[in-house]
Amino acid sequence: MKPIGEPAVGRFCWLDLAARDAAEAKAFYRRLFGWTAVEQHANGGIFTRLCWLDRDVGSLYQMEAKLARKVPSHWTPYVRVEDVELTAQRASELGGQVLVRPFVVSGVARIALIMDSVGAQVGLWEPIDSMESERHG
């Protein structure tokens, strides 16, 4: 895959769709934008990279049934950071909240999910290495 561009720290770098119906979401975006779906294994499961031509544009995954009954499908934007642990801690100190503690998406990035001080959610993205940061950012 070729990168869309390599965003600097502090810029949006990735989009992730949590879908109630992943198969329908893949079909919808294929028909709408021409995006192709490439399955990738990570953390014992599968997520789908969404690609346009030969470039990653985001990803999607199937929400767990229990969560999908309560929460609608939604996109999460990610901001590139130097240190996901430090940034999550800093968000808490500034009145935000860590919703999902930092963890590694195998072979891709260290990520976390925070809520800012006004209630908006955003992801934090720390590339694992330069090769992966080029592909995903």
Protein backbone atom coordinates (compact mmCIF):
# COMPACT_ATOMS: atom_id res chain seq x y z
CA MET A 1 0.00 0.00 0.00
CA LYS A 2 1.12 3.55 -0.65
CA PRO A 3 0.58 6.28 1.91
CA ILE A 4 -1.91 9.08 1.37
CA GLY A 5 0.70 11.35 2.89
CA GLU A 6 2.54 11.34 6.16
CA PRO A 7 0.80 13.67 8.61
CA ALA A 8 2.89 15.42 11.20
CA VAL A 9 2.31 14.95 14.90
CA GLY A 10 -0.88 16.77 15.89
CA ARG A 11 -2.66 16.20 12.57
CA PHE A 12 -5.44 13.78 11.73
CA CYS A 13 -3.97 10.62 10.25
CA TRP A 14 -6.58 7.82 10.21
CA LEU A 15 -10.32 7.07 10.22
CA ASP A 16 -11.93 3.98 11.66
CA LEU A 17 -15.55 2.87 11.21
CA ALA A 18 -17.19 0.81 13.95
CA ALA A 19 -20.04 -0.79 11.99
CA ARG A 20 -23.19 -2.56 13.14
CA ASP A 21 -23.06 -4.45 9.82
CA ALA A 22 -19.52 -4.58 8.48
CA ALA A 23 -20.47 -6.45 5.30
CA GLU A 24 -23.07 -3.82 4.39
CA ALA A 25 -20.62 -1.00 5.20
CA LYS A 26 -17.98 -2.52 2.90
CA ALA A 27 -20.51 -2.84 0.08
CA PHE A 28 -21.86 0.69 0.61
CA TYR A 29 -18.44 2.37 0.46
CA ARG A 30 -17.35 0.21 -2.47
CA ARG A 31 -20.41 1.37 -4.43
CA LEU A 32 -20.20 4.98 -3.24
CA PHE A 33 -16.46 5.71 -3.48
CA GLY A 34 -14.92 2.68 -5.18
CA TRP A 35 -13.10 1.67 -1.99
CA THR A 36 -11.87 -1.91 -1.81
CA ALA A 37 -11.73 -3.97 1.37
CA VAL A 38 -8.55 -5.75 2.45
CA GLU A 39 -8.85 -8.04 5.47
CA GLN A 40 -6.02 -7.88 8.01
CA HIS A 41 -5.42 -9.96 11.13
CA ALA A 42 -4.59 -8.11 14.34
CA ASN A 43 -4.90 -8.89 18.04
CA GLY A 44 -6.55 -12.26 17.43
CA GLY A 45 -9.28 -10.81 15.22
CA ILE A 46 -9.79 -9.26 11.82
CA PHE A 47 -10.26 -5.69 10.75
CA THR A 48 -10.71 -4.36 7.25
CA ARG A 49 -8.46 -1.79 5.62
CA LEU A 50 -10.37 0.39 3.19
CA CYS A 51 -8.36 1.27 0.10
CA TRP A 52 -8.77 3.60 -2.84
CA LEU A 53 -6.58 2.68 -5.79
CA ASP A 54 -3.51 1.43 -3.91
CA ARG A 55 -3.75 3.69 -0.85
CA ASP A 56 -5.26 3.10 2.58
CA VAL A 57 -8.05 5.56 3.39
CA GLY A 58 -9.24 4.08 6.68
CA SER A 59 -10.52 0.89 8.25
CA LEU A 60 -13.65 -0.71 9.58
CA TYR A 61 -14.60 -3.47 11.96
CA GLN A 62 -17.73 -5.29 13.06
CA MET A 63 -19.07 -4.03 16.37
CA GLU A 64 -19.87 -6.67 18.97
CA ALA A 65 -23.61 -7.46 18.96
CA LYS A 66 -24.14 -6.30 22.56
CA LEU A 67 -22.55 -2.91 21.86
CA ALA A 68 -24.26 -2.56 18.47
CA ARG A 69 -27.66 -2.74 20.16
CA LYS A 70 -26.78 0.37 22.21
CA VAL A 71 -24.44 2.40 19.99
CA PRO A 72 -24.93 3.34 16.32
CA SER A 73 -22.26 2.78 13.71
CA HIS A 74 -19.75 5.62 13.88
CA TRP A 75 -16.48 6.95 12.52
CA THR A 76 -13.51 7.69 14.81
CA PRO A 77 -10.83 10.10 13.57
CA TYR A 78 -7.28 9.59 14.90
CA VAL A 79 -4.63 12.22 15.57
CA ARG A 80 -0.99 11.26 15.19
CA VAL A 81 0.98 11.58 18.43
CA GLU A 82 4.59 10.95 19.47
CA ASP A 83 3.66 9.06 22.66
CA VAL A 84 0.15 7.67 23.10
CA GLU A 85 0.58 7.02 26.86
CA LEU A 86 1.78 10.54 27.56
CA THR A 87 -0.89 12.13 25.37
CA ALA A 88 -3.69 10.12 27.03
CA GLN A 89 -2.40 11.15 30.45
CA ARG A 90 -2.19 14.79 29.35
CA ALA A 91 -5.78 14.65 28.04
CA SER A 92 -6.95 13.54 31.51
CA GLU A 93 -4.99 16.33 33.17
CA LEU A 94 -6.69 18.85 30.87
CA GLY A 95 -10.22 17.74 31.76
CA GLY A 96 -10.65 14.97 29.20
CA GLN A 97 -11.24 11.30 29.85
CA VAL A 98 -9.48 8.16 28.61
CA LEU A 99 -12.22 5.91 27.22
CA VAL A 100 -9.95 3.15 25.90
CA ARG A 101 -6.52 2.87 27.46
CA PRO A 102 -3.55 2.69 25.07
CA PHE A 103 -3.00 -0.68 23.44
CA VAL A 104 -1.15 -2.08 20.45
CA VAL A 105 -2.89 -3.00 17.20
CA SER A 106 -0.48 -5.73 16.08
CA GLY A 107 1.91 -4.51 13.42
CA VAL A 108 0.15 -1.17 12.99
CA ALA A 109 0.10 1.33 15.86
CA ARG A 110 -0.42 2.03 19.54
CA ILE A 111 -3.83 3.62 19.88
CA ALA A 112 -6.17 4.99 22.54
CA LEU A 113 -9.57 6.66 22.58
CA ILE A 114 -10.24 9.81 24.57
CA MET A 115 -13.12 12.15 25.20
CA ASP A 116 -12.12 15.80 25.19
CA SER A 117 -13.22 18.37 27.76
CA VAL A 118 -16.41 19.16 25.79
CA GLY A 119 -17.51 15.55 25.22
CA ALA A 120 -16.15 14.82 21.73
CA GLN A 121 -14.33 11.54 21.10
CA VAL A 122 -11.05 11.28 19.21
CA GLY A 123 -8.46 8.56 18.75
CA LEU A 124 -4.74 8.83 19.43
CA TRP A 125 -2.37 7.12 16.95
CA GLU A 126 1.32 6.38 17.54
CA PRO A 127 2.84 4.47 14.61
CA ILE A 128 4.79 1.38 15.63
CA ASP A 129 7.58 1.98 13.13
CA SER A 130 8.29 4.12 10.11
CA MET A 131 7.21 1.48 7.57
CA GLU A 132 3.77 1.16 9.18
CA SER A 133 3.40 4.91 9.70
CA GLU A 134 3.94 5.42 5.98
CA ARG A 135 1.24 2.90 5.09
CA HIS A 136 -1.34 4.25 7.54
CA GLY A 137 -0.73 7.89 7.65
